[in-house]
Amino acid sequence: MNEADALELARSAIWTVLVVSGPAVGAAMIVGIIIALFQALTQIQEMTLTFVPKIIVVLAVLTIGASFIGSQVYVFTEQVYSRIEKGY
């Protein structure tokens, strides 16, 4: 394995992590913004109001997108195994 192969593998790993985590992080960000606006408008400063809805939404997004996440990880794993098999 040369330097270019290692960089390509690292690039592919980083891209896979971004694609897999993107929907959950995006959903948490949107819910966080909505809750922050709600708290600013109503002046309710309850700490659990920020965490509970985010956890519920992230778990829902992960449940809905589990097959997509699994397929992306599977494709990356197959790429890594094929590179190991070829010797680079």
PDB file of N, CA and C in Angstrom:
ATOM      1  N   MET A   1       0.852  -1.174   0.000  1.00  0.00           N
ATOM      2  CA  MET A   1       0.000   0.000   0.000  1.00  0.00           C
ATOM      3  C   MET A   1       0.893   1.231   0.000  1.00  0.00           C
ATOM      4  N   ASN A   2       0.672   2.086  -0.969  1.00  0.00           N
ATOM      5  CA  ASN A   2       1.450   3.311  -1.022  1.00  0.00           C
ATOM      6  C   ASN A   2       0.658   4.470  -0.419  1.00  0.00           C
ATOM      7  N   GLU A   3       1.247   5.640  -0.501  1.00  0.00           N
ATOM      8  CA  GLU A   3       0.645   6.812   0.136  1.00  0.00           C
ATOM      9  C   GLU A   3      -0.689   7.193  -0.503  1.00  0.00           C
ATOM     10  N   ALA A   4      -0.797   7.080  -1.800  1.00  0.00           N
ATOM     11  CA  ALA A   4      -2.035   7.439  -2.499  1.00  0.00           C
ATOM     12  C   ALA A   4      -3.176   6.507  -2.106  1.00  0.00           C
ATOM     13  N   ASP A   5      -2.887   5.218  -1.963  1.00  0.00           N
ATOM     14  CA  ASP A   5      -3.923   4.272  -1.545  1.00  0.00           C
ATOM     15  C   ASP A   5      -4.394   4.555  -0.119  1.00  0.00           C
ATOM     16  N   ALA A   6      -3.457   4.879   0.759  1.00  0.00           N
ATOM     17  CA  ALA A   6      -3.824   5.195   2.143  1.00  0.00           C
ATOM     18  C   ALA A   6      -4.669   6.460   2.209  1.00  0.00           C
ATOM     19  N   LEU A   7      -4.330   7.462   1.415  1.00  0.00           N
ATOM     20  CA  LEU A   7      -5.117   8.692   1.394  1.00  0.00           C
ATOM     21  C   LEU A   7      -6.507   8.446   0.811  1.00  0.00           C
ATOM     22  N   GLU A   8      -6.600   7.623  -0.214  1.00  0.00           N
ATOM     23  CA  GLU A   8      -7.905   7.296  -0.794  1.00  0.00           C
ATOM     24  C   GLU A   8      -8.773   6.540   0.202  1.00  0.00           C
ATOM     25  N   LEU A   9      -8.183   5.634   0.938  1.00  0.00           N
ATOM     26  CA  LEU A   9      -8.926   4.889   1.956  1.00  0.00           C
ATOM     27  C   LEU A   9      -9.389   5.811   3.090  1.00  0.00           C
ATOM     28  N   ALA A  10      -8.532   6.727   3.513  1.00  0.00           N
ATOM     29  CA  ALA A  10      -8.907   7.680   4.558  1.00  0.00           C
ATOM     30  C   ALA A  10     -10.001   8.620   4.067  1.00  0.00           C
ATOM     31  N   ARG A  11      -9.905   9.066   2.813  1.00  0.00           N
ATOM     32  CA  ARG A  11     -10.929   9.933   2.243  1.00  0.00           C
ATOM     33  C   ARG A  11     -12.266   9.216   2.184  1.00  0.00           C
ATOM     34  N   SER A  12     -12.236   7.953   1.762  1.00  0.00           N
ATOM     35  CA  SER A  12     -13.459   7.164   1.680  1.00  0.00           C
ATOM     36  C   SER A  12     -14.059   6.925   3.066  1.00  0.00           C
ATOM     37  N   ALA A  13     -13.232   6.707   4.064  1.00  0.00           N
ATOM     38  CA  ALA A  13     -13.722   6.506   5.433  1.00  0.00           C
ATOM     39  C   ALA A  13     -14.362   7.773   5.976  1.00  0.00           C
ATOM     40  N   ILE A  14     -13.733   8.912   5.751  1.00  0.00           N
ATOM     41  CA  ILE A  14     -14.293  10.171   6.227  1.00  0.00           C
ATOM     42  C   ILE A  14     -15.605  10.472   5.528  1.00  0.00           C
ATOM     43  N   TRP A  15     -15.676  10.223   4.214  1.00  0.00           N
ATOM     44  CA  TRP A  15     -16.908  10.465   3.473  1.00  0.00           C
ATOM     45  C   TRP A  15     -18.029   9.556   3.977  1.00  0.00           C
ATOM     46  N   THR A  16     -17.707   8.307   4.267  1.00  0.00           N
ATOM     47  CA  THR A  16     -18.708   7.376   4.786  1.00  0.00           C
ATOM     48  C   THR A  16     -19.240   7.841   6.136  1.00  0.00           C
ATOM     49  N   VAL A  17     -18.367   8.306   7.003  1.00  0.00           N
ATOM     50  CA  VAL A  17     -18.792   8.809   8.312  1.00  0.00           C
ATOM     51  C   VAL A  17     -19.700  10.027   8.145  1.00  0.00           C
ATOM     52  N   LEU A  18     -19.363  10.920   7.239  1.00  0.00           N
ATOM     53  CA  LEU A  18     -20.199  12.104   7.017  1.00  0.00           C
ATOM     54  C   LEU A  18     -21.568  11.739   6.459  1.00  0.00           C
ATOM     55  N   VAL A  19     -21.608  10.804   5.513  1.00  0.00           N
ATOM     56  CA  VAL A  19     -22.886  10.411   4.920  1.00  0.00           C
ATOM     57  C   VAL A  19     -23.750   9.673   5.937  1.00  0.00           C
ATOM     58  N   VAL A  20     -23.143   8.832   6.746  1.00  0.00           N
ATOM     59  CA  VAL A  20     -23.899   8.040   7.723  1.00  0.00           C
ATOM     60  C   VAL A  20     -24.414   8.916   8.866  1.00  0.00           C
ATOM     61  N   SER A  21     -23.615   9.847   9.326  1.00  0.00           N
ATOM     62  CA  SER A  21     -24.030  10.669  10.469  1.00  0.00           C
ATOM     63  C   SER A  21     -24.816  11.905  10.071  1.00  0.00           C
ATOM     64  N   GLY A  22     -24.817  12.252   8.808  1.00  0.00           N
ATOM     65  CA  GLY A  22     -25.472  13.470   8.346  1.00  0.00           C
ATOM     66  C   GLY A  22     -26.942  13.603   8.695  1.00  0.00           C
ATOM     67  N   PRO A  23     -27.774  12.600   8.398  1.00  0.00           N
ATOM     68  CA  PRO A  23     -29.201  12.755   8.704  1.00  0.00           C
ATOM     69  C   PRO A  23     -29.498  12.954  10.192  1.00  0.00           C
ATOM     70  N   ALA A  24     -28.829  12.223  11.057  1.00  0.00           N
ATOM     71  CA  ALA A  24     -29.078  12.363  12.499  1.00  0.00           C
ATOM     72  C   ALA A  24     -28.606  13.717  13.006  1.00  0.00           C
ATOM     73  N   VAL A  25     -27.451  14.156  12.563  1.00  0.00           N
ATOM     74  CA  VAL A  25     -26.935  15.456  12.999  1.00  0.00           C
ATOM     75  C   VAL A  25     -27.805  16.585  12.455  1.00  0.00           C
ATOM     76  N   GLY A  26     -28.232  16.461  11.202  1.00  0.00           N
ATOM     77  CA  GLY A  26     -29.105  17.480  10.620  1.00  0.00           C
ATOM     78  C   GLY A  26     -30.435  17.580  11.341  1.00  0.00           C
ATOM     79  N   ALA A  27     -31.027  16.435  11.662  1.00  0.00           N
ATOM     80  CA  ALA A  27     -32.298  16.439  12.384  1.00  0.00           C
ATOM     81  C   ALA A  27     -32.129  17.051  13.778  1.00  0.00           C
ATOM     82  N   ALA A  28     -31.051  16.712  14.472  1.00  0.00           N
ATOM     83  CA  ALA A  28     -30.805  17.275  15.801  1.00  0.00           C
ATOM     84  C   ALA A  28     -30.591  18.779  15.717  1.00  0.00           C
ATOM     85  N   MET A  29     -29.934  19.233  14.662  1.00  0.00           N
ATOM     86  CA  MET A  29     -29.698  20.661  14.502  1.00  0.00           C
ATOM     87  C   MET A  29     -31.002  21.413  14.248  1.00  0.00           C
ATOM     88  N   ILE A  30     -31.851  20.867  13.397  1.00  0.00           N
ATOM     89  CA  ILE A  30     -33.127  21.523  13.100  1.00  0.00           C
ATOM     90  C   ILE A  30     -34.013  21.580  14.351  1.00  0.00           C
ATOM     91  N   VAL A  31     -34.099  20.461  15.074  1.00  0.00           N
ATOM     92  CA  VAL A  31     -34.901  20.444  16.296  1.00  0.00           C
ATOM     93  C   VAL A  31     -34.311  21.394  17.333  1.00  0.00           C
ATOM     94  N   GLY A  32     -33.008  21.468  17.432  1.00  0.00           N
ATOM     95  CA  GLY A  32     -32.370  22.382  18.374  1.00  0.00           C
ATOM     96  C   GLY A  32     -32.672  23.836  18.068  1.00  0.00           C
ATOM     97  N   ILE A  33     -32.669  24.184  16.788  1.00  0.00           N
ATOM     98  CA  ILE A  33     -32.986  25.556  16.407  1.00  0.00           C
ATOM     99  C   ILE A  33     -34.444  25.885  16.733  1.00  0.00           C
ATOM    100  N   ILE A  34     -35.340  24.953  16.435  1.00  0.00           N
ATOM    101  CA  ILE A  34     -36.763  25.177  16.730  1.00  0.00           C
ATOM    102  C   ILE A  34     -36.992  25.338  18.230  1.00  0.00           C
ATOM    103  N   ILE A  35     -36.363  24.492  19.022  1.00  0.00           N
ATOM    104  CA  ILE A  35     -36.526  24.579  20.476  1.00  0.00           C
ATOM    105  C   ILE A  35     -35.906  25.865  21.015  1.00  0.00           C
ATOM    106  N   ALA A  36     -34.760  26.271  20.462  1.00  0.00           N
ATOM    107  CA  ALA A  36     -34.136  27.518  20.906  1.00  0.00           C
ATOM    108  C   ALA A  36     -35.027  28.715  20.601  1.00  0.00           C
ATOM    109  N   LEU A  37     -35.649  28.713  19.437  1.00  0.00           N
ATOM    110  CA  LEU A  37     -36.572  29.795  19.115  1.00  0.00           C
ATOM    111  C   LEU A  37     -37.785  29.784  20.053  1.00  0.00           C
ATOM    112  N   PHE A  38     -38.307  28.591  20.323  1.00  0.00           N
ATOM    113  CA  PHE A  38     -39.432  28.466  21.247  1.00  0.00           C
ATOM    114  C   PHE A  38     -39.068  28.980  22.635  1.00  0.00           C
ATOM    115  N   GLN A  39     -37.878  28.618  23.102  1.00  0.00           N
ATOM    116  CA  GLN A  39     -37.445  29.078  24.428  1.00  0.00           C
ATOM    117  C   GLN A  39     -37.217  30.581  24.448  1.00  0.00           C
ATOM    118  N   ALA A  40     -36.703  31.133  23.360  1.00  0.00           N
ATOM    119  CA  ALA A  40     -36.471  32.573  23.320  1.00  0.00           C
ATOM    120  C   ALA A  40     -37.789  33.344  23.287  1.00  0.00           C
ATOM    121  N   LEU A  41     -38.767  32.792  22.581  1.00  0.00           N
ATOM    122  CA  LEU A  41     -40.051  33.481  22.479  1.00  0.00           C
ATOM    123  C   LEU A  41     -40.869  33.385  23.766  1.00  0.00           C
ATOM    124  N   THR A  42     -40.794  32.240  24.446  1.00  0.00           N
ATOM    125  CA  THR A  42     -41.621  32.049  25.639  1.00  0.00           C
ATOM    126  C   THR A  42     -40.863  32.271  26.943  1.00  0.00           C
ATOM    127  N   GLN A  43     -39.569  32.433  26.882  1.00  0.00           N
ATOM    128  CA  GLN A  43     -38.693  32.607  28.034  1.00  0.00           C
ATOM    129  C   GLN A  43     -38.781  31.433  29.010  1.00  0.00           C
ATOM    130  N   ILE A  44     -39.042  30.258  28.494  1.00  0.00           N
ATOM    131  CA  ILE A  44     -39.005  29.027  29.297  1.00  0.00           C
ATOM    132  C   ILE A  44     -37.579  28.484  29.210  1.00  0.00           C
ATOM    133  N   GLN A  45     -36.916  28.325  30.325  1.00  0.00           N
ATOM    134  CA  GLN A  45     -35.524  27.881  30.333  1.00  0.00           C
ATOM    135  C   GLN A  45     -35.385  26.514  30.999  1.00  0.00           C
ATOM    136  N   GLU A  46     -36.212  25.587  30.617  1.00  0.00           N
ATOM    137  CA  GLU A  46     -36.167  24.228  31.162  1.00  0.00           C
ATOM    138  C   GLU A  46     -35.090  23.437  30.406  1.00  0.00           C
ATOM    139  N   MET A  47     -34.177  22.810  31.139  1.00  0.00           N
ATOM    140  CA  MET A  47     -33.068  22.090  30.520  1.00  0.00           C
ATOM    141  C   MET A  47     -33.524  20.832  29.786  1.00  0.00           C
ATOM    142  N   THR A  48     -34.510  20.135  30.346  1.00  0.00           N
ATOM    143  CA  THR A  48     -34.950  18.898  29.693  1.00  0.00           C
ATOM    144  C   THR A  48     -35.691  19.176  28.400  1.00  0.00           C
ATOM    145  N   LEU A  49     -36.164  20.389  28.227  1.00  0.00           N
ATOM    146  CA  LEU A  49     -36.859  20.749  26.996  1.00  0.00           C
ATOM    147  C   LEU A  49     -35.922  20.698  25.794  1.00  0.00           C
ATOM    148  N   THR A  50     -34.639  20.874  26.012  1.00  0.00           N
ATOM    149  CA  THR A  50     -33.700  20.835  24.894  1.00  0.00           C
ATOM    150  C   THR A  50     -33.248  19.420  24.567  1.00  0.00           C
ATOM    151  N   PHE A  51     -33.127  18.556  25.557  1.00  0.00           N
ATOM    152  CA  PHE A  51     -32.543  17.241  25.322  1.00  0.00           C
ATOM    153  C   PHE A  51     -33.548  16.176  24.889  1.00  0.00           C
ATOM    154  N   VAL A  52     -34.676  16.126  25.518  1.00  0.00           N
ATOM    155  CA  VAL A  52     -35.636  15.051  25.262  1.00  0.00           C
ATOM    156  C   VAL A  52     -36.136  15.043  23.824  1.00  0.00           C
ATOM    157  N   PRO A  53     -36.574  16.170  23.262  1.00  0.00           N
ATOM    158  CA  PRO A  53     -37.014  16.120  21.868  1.00  0.00           C
ATOM    159  C   PRO A  53     -35.892  15.758  20.883  1.00  0.00           C
ATOM    160  N   LYS A  54     -34.681  16.237  21.151  1.00  0.00           N
ATOM    161  CA  LYS A  54     -33.557  15.896  20.279  1.00  0.00           C
ATOM    162  C   LYS A  54     -33.291  14.403  20.301  1.00  0.00           C
ATOM    163  N   ILE A  55     -33.305  13.809  21.478  1.00  0.00           N
ATOM    164  CA  ILE A  55     -33.063  12.367  21.594  1.00  0.00           C
ATOM    165  C   ILE A  55     -34.135  11.579  20.857  1.00  0.00           C
ATOM    166  N   ILE A  56     -35.377  11.989  21.015  1.00  0.00           N
ATOM    167  CA  ILE A  56     -36.476  11.286  20.350  1.00  0.00           C
ATOM    168  C   ILE A  56     -36.346  11.399  18.836  1.00  0.00           C
ATOM    169  N   VAL A  57     -36.047  12.597  18.330  1.00  0.00           N
ATOM    170  CA  VAL A  57     -35.929  12.793  16.886  1.00  0.00           C
ATOM    171  C   VAL A  57     -34.723  12.043  16.325  1.00  0.00           C
ATOM    172  N   VAL A  58     -33.602  12.081  17.008  1.00  0.00           N
ATOM    173  CA  VAL A  58     -32.416  11.369  16.524  1.00  0.00           C
ATOM    174  C   VAL A  58     -32.668   9.864  16.496  1.00  0.00           C
ATOM    175  N   LEU A  59     -33.296   9.327  17.528  1.00  0.00           N
ATOM    176  CA  LEU A  59     -33.617   7.898  17.525  1.00  0.00           C
ATOM    177  C   LEU A  59     -34.592   7.550  16.406  1.00  0.00           C
ATOM    178  N   ALA A  60     -35.556   8.417  16.140  1.00  0.00           N
ATOM    179  CA  ALA A  60     -36.498   8.169  15.046  1.00  0.00           C
ATOM    180  C   ALA A  60     -35.792   8.197  13.696  1.00  0.00           C
ATOM    181  N   VAL A  61     -34.909   9.171  13.501  1.00  0.00           N
ATOM    182  CA  VAL A  61     -34.171   9.256  12.234  1.00  0.00           C
ATOM    183  C   VAL A  61     -33.260   8.050  12.065  1.00  0.00           C
ATOM    184  N   LEU A  62     -32.595   7.630  13.137  1.00  0.00           N
ATOM    185  CA  LEU A  62     -31.732   6.453  13.042  1.00  0.00           C
ATOM    186  C   LEU A  62     -32.539   5.180  12.774  1.00  0.00           C
ATOM    187  N   THR A  63     -33.729   5.090  13.336  1.00  0.00           N
ATOM    188  CA  THR A  63     -34.577   3.926  13.091  1.00  0.00           C
ATOM    189  C   THR A  63     -35.050   3.900  11.642  1.00  0.00           C
ATOM    190  N   ILE A  64     -35.467   5.048  11.141  1.00  0.00           N
ATOM    191  CA  ILE A  64     -35.934   5.117   9.757  1.00  0.00           C
ATOM    192  C   ILE A  64     -34.785   4.895   8.776  1.00  0.00           C
ATOM    193  N   GLY A  65     -33.621   5.454   9.069  1.00  0.00           N
ATOM    194  CA  GLY A  65     -32.492   5.366   8.148  1.00  0.00           C
ATOM    195  C   GLY A  65     -31.529   4.232   8.407  1.00  0.00           C
ATOM    196  N   ALA A  66     -31.918   3.263   9.216  1.00  0.00           N
ATOM    197  CA  ALA A  66     -30.994   2.180   9.576  1.00  0.00           C
ATOM    198  C   ALA A  66     -30.567   1.367   8.369  1.00  0.00           C
ATOM    199  N   SER A  67     -31.472   1.100   7.436  1.00  0.00           N
ATOM    200  CA  SER A  67     -31.101   0.315   6.259  1.00  0.00           C
ATOM    201  C   SER A  67     -30.128   1.092   5.372  1.00  0.00           C
ATOM    202  N   PHE A  68     -30.324   2.404   5.260  1.00  0.00           N
ATOM    203  CA  PHE A  68     -29.405   3.234   4.487  1.00  0.00           C
ATOM    204  C   PHE A  68     -28.021   3.258   5.136  1.00  0.00           C
ATOM    205  N   ILE A  69     -27.999   3.434   6.445  1.00  0.00           N
ATOM    206  CA  ILE A  69     -26.731   3.472   7.175  1.00  0.00           C
ATOM    207  C   ILE A  69     -26.001   2.138   7.040  1.00  0.00           C
ATOM    208  N   GLY A  70     -26.742   1.060   7.208  1.00  0.00           N
ATOM    209  CA  GLY A  70     -26.136  -0.262   7.070  1.00  0.00           C
ATOM    210  C   GLY A  70     -25.591  -0.515   5.681  1.00  0.00           C
ATOM    211  N   SER A  71     -26.311  -0.072   4.656  1.00  0.00           N
ATOM    212  CA  SER A  71     -25.831  -0.290   3.289  1.00  0.00           C
ATOM    213  C   SER A  71     -24.574   0.521   3.008  1.00  0.00           C
ATOM    214  N   GLN A  72     -24.494   1.742   3.536  1.00  0.00           N
ATOM    215  CA  GLN A  72     -23.296   2.560   3.326  1.00  0.00           C
ATOM    216  C   GLN A  72     -22.074   1.946   4.020  1.00  0.00           C
ATOM    217  N   VAL A  73     -22.266   1.469   5.230  1.00  0.00           N
ATOM    218  CA  VAL A  73     -21.165   0.823   5.954  1.00  0.00           C
ATOM    219  C   VAL A  73     -20.764  -0.470   5.249  1.00  0.00           C
ATOM    220  N   TYR A  74     -21.743  -1.207   4.723  1.00  0.00           N
ATOM    221  CA  TYR A  74     -21.460  -2.447   4.003  1.00  0.00           C
ATOM    222  C   TYR A  74     -20.643  -2.168   2.742  1.00  0.00           C
ATOM    223  N   VAL A  75     -21.004  -1.151   1.992  1.00  0.00           N
ATOM    224  CA  VAL A  75     -20.260  -0.807   0.774  1.00  0.00           C
ATOM    225  C   VAL A  75     -18.826  -0.426   1.116  1.00  0.00           C
ATOM    226  N   PHE A  76     -18.648   0.372   2.165  1.00  0.00           N
ATOM    227  CA  PHE A  76     -17.293   0.752   2.562  1.00  0.00           C
ATOM    228  C   PHE A  76     -16.484  -0.461   3.000  1.00  0.00           C
ATOM    229  N   THR A  77     -17.107  -1.343   3.759  1.00  0.00           N
ATOM    230  CA  THR A  77     -16.412  -2.544   4.226  1.00  0.00           C
ATOM    231  C   THR A  77     -16.007  -3.429   3.060  1.00  0.00           C
ATOM    232  N   GLU A  78     -16.887  -3.572   2.073  1.00  0.00           N
ATOM    233  CA  GLU A  78     -16.556  -4.352   0.882  1.00  0.00           C
ATOM    234  C   GLU A  78     -15.381  -3.734   0.129  1.00  0.00           C
ATOM    235  N   GLN A  79     -15.332  -2.414   0.051  1.00  0.00           N
ATOM    236  CA  GLN A  79     -14.206  -1.747  -0.603  1.00  0.00           C
ATOM    237  C   GLN A  79     -12.897  -2.027   0.136  1.00  0.00           C
ATOM    238  N   VAL A  80     -12.946  -1.960   1.450  1.00  0.00           N
ATOM    239  CA  VAL A  80     -11.736  -2.214   2.237  1.00  0.00           C
ATOM    240  C   VAL A  80     -11.287  -3.660   2.068  1.00  0.00           C
ATOM    241  N   TYR A  81     -12.237  -4.596   2.136  1.00  0.00           N
ATOM    242  CA  TYR A  81     -11.881  -6.005   1.989  1.00  0.00           C
ATOM    243  C   TYR A  81     -11.344  -6.309   0.598  1.00  0.00           C
ATOM    244  N   SER A  82     -11.885  -5.671  -0.429  1.00  0.00           N
ATOM    245  CA  SER A  82     -11.369  -5.911  -1.778  1.00  0.00           C
ATOM    246  C   SER A  82      -9.954  -5.361  -1.921  1.00  0.00           C
ATOM    247  N   ARG A  83      -9.678  -4.249  -1.258  1.00  0.00           N
ATOM    248  CA  ARG A  83      -8.303  -3.718  -1.299  1.00  0.00           C
ATOM    249  C   ARG A  83      -7.338  -4.648  -0.552  1.00  0.00           C
ATOM    250  N   ILE A  84      -7.789  -5.207   0.562  1.00  0.00           N
ATOM    251  CA  ILE A  84      -6.932  -6.155   1.296  1.00  0.00           C
ATOM    252  C   ILE A  84      -6.672  -7.390   0.439  1.00  0.00           C
ATOM    253  N   GLU A  85      -7.712  -7.862  -0.236  1.00  0.00           N
ATOM    254  CA  GLU A  85      -7.585  -9.057  -1.064  1.00  0.00           C
ATOM    255  C   GLU A  85      -6.633  -8.842  -2.228  1.00  0.00           C
ATOM    256  N   LYS A  86      -6.665  -7.639  -2.826  1.00  0.00           N
ATOM    257  CA  LYS A  86      -5.771  -7.327  -3.941  1.00  0.00           C
ATOM    258  C   LYS A  86      -4.355  -7.010  -3.486  1.00  0.00           C
ATOM    259  N   GLY A  87      -4.199  -6.713  -2.225  1.00  0.00           N
ATOM    260  CA  GLY A  87      -2.866  -6.462  -1.692  1.00  0.00           C
ATOM    261  C   GLY A  87      -2.487  -5.000  -1.645  1.00  0.00           C
ATOM    262  N   TYR A  88      -3.446  -4.106  -1.842  1.00  0.00           N
ATOM    263  CA  TYR A  88      -3.138  -2.674  -1.710  1.00  0.00           C
ATOM    264  C   TYR A  88      -4.277  -1.931  -1.109  1.00  0.00           C
TER     265      TYR A  88
END
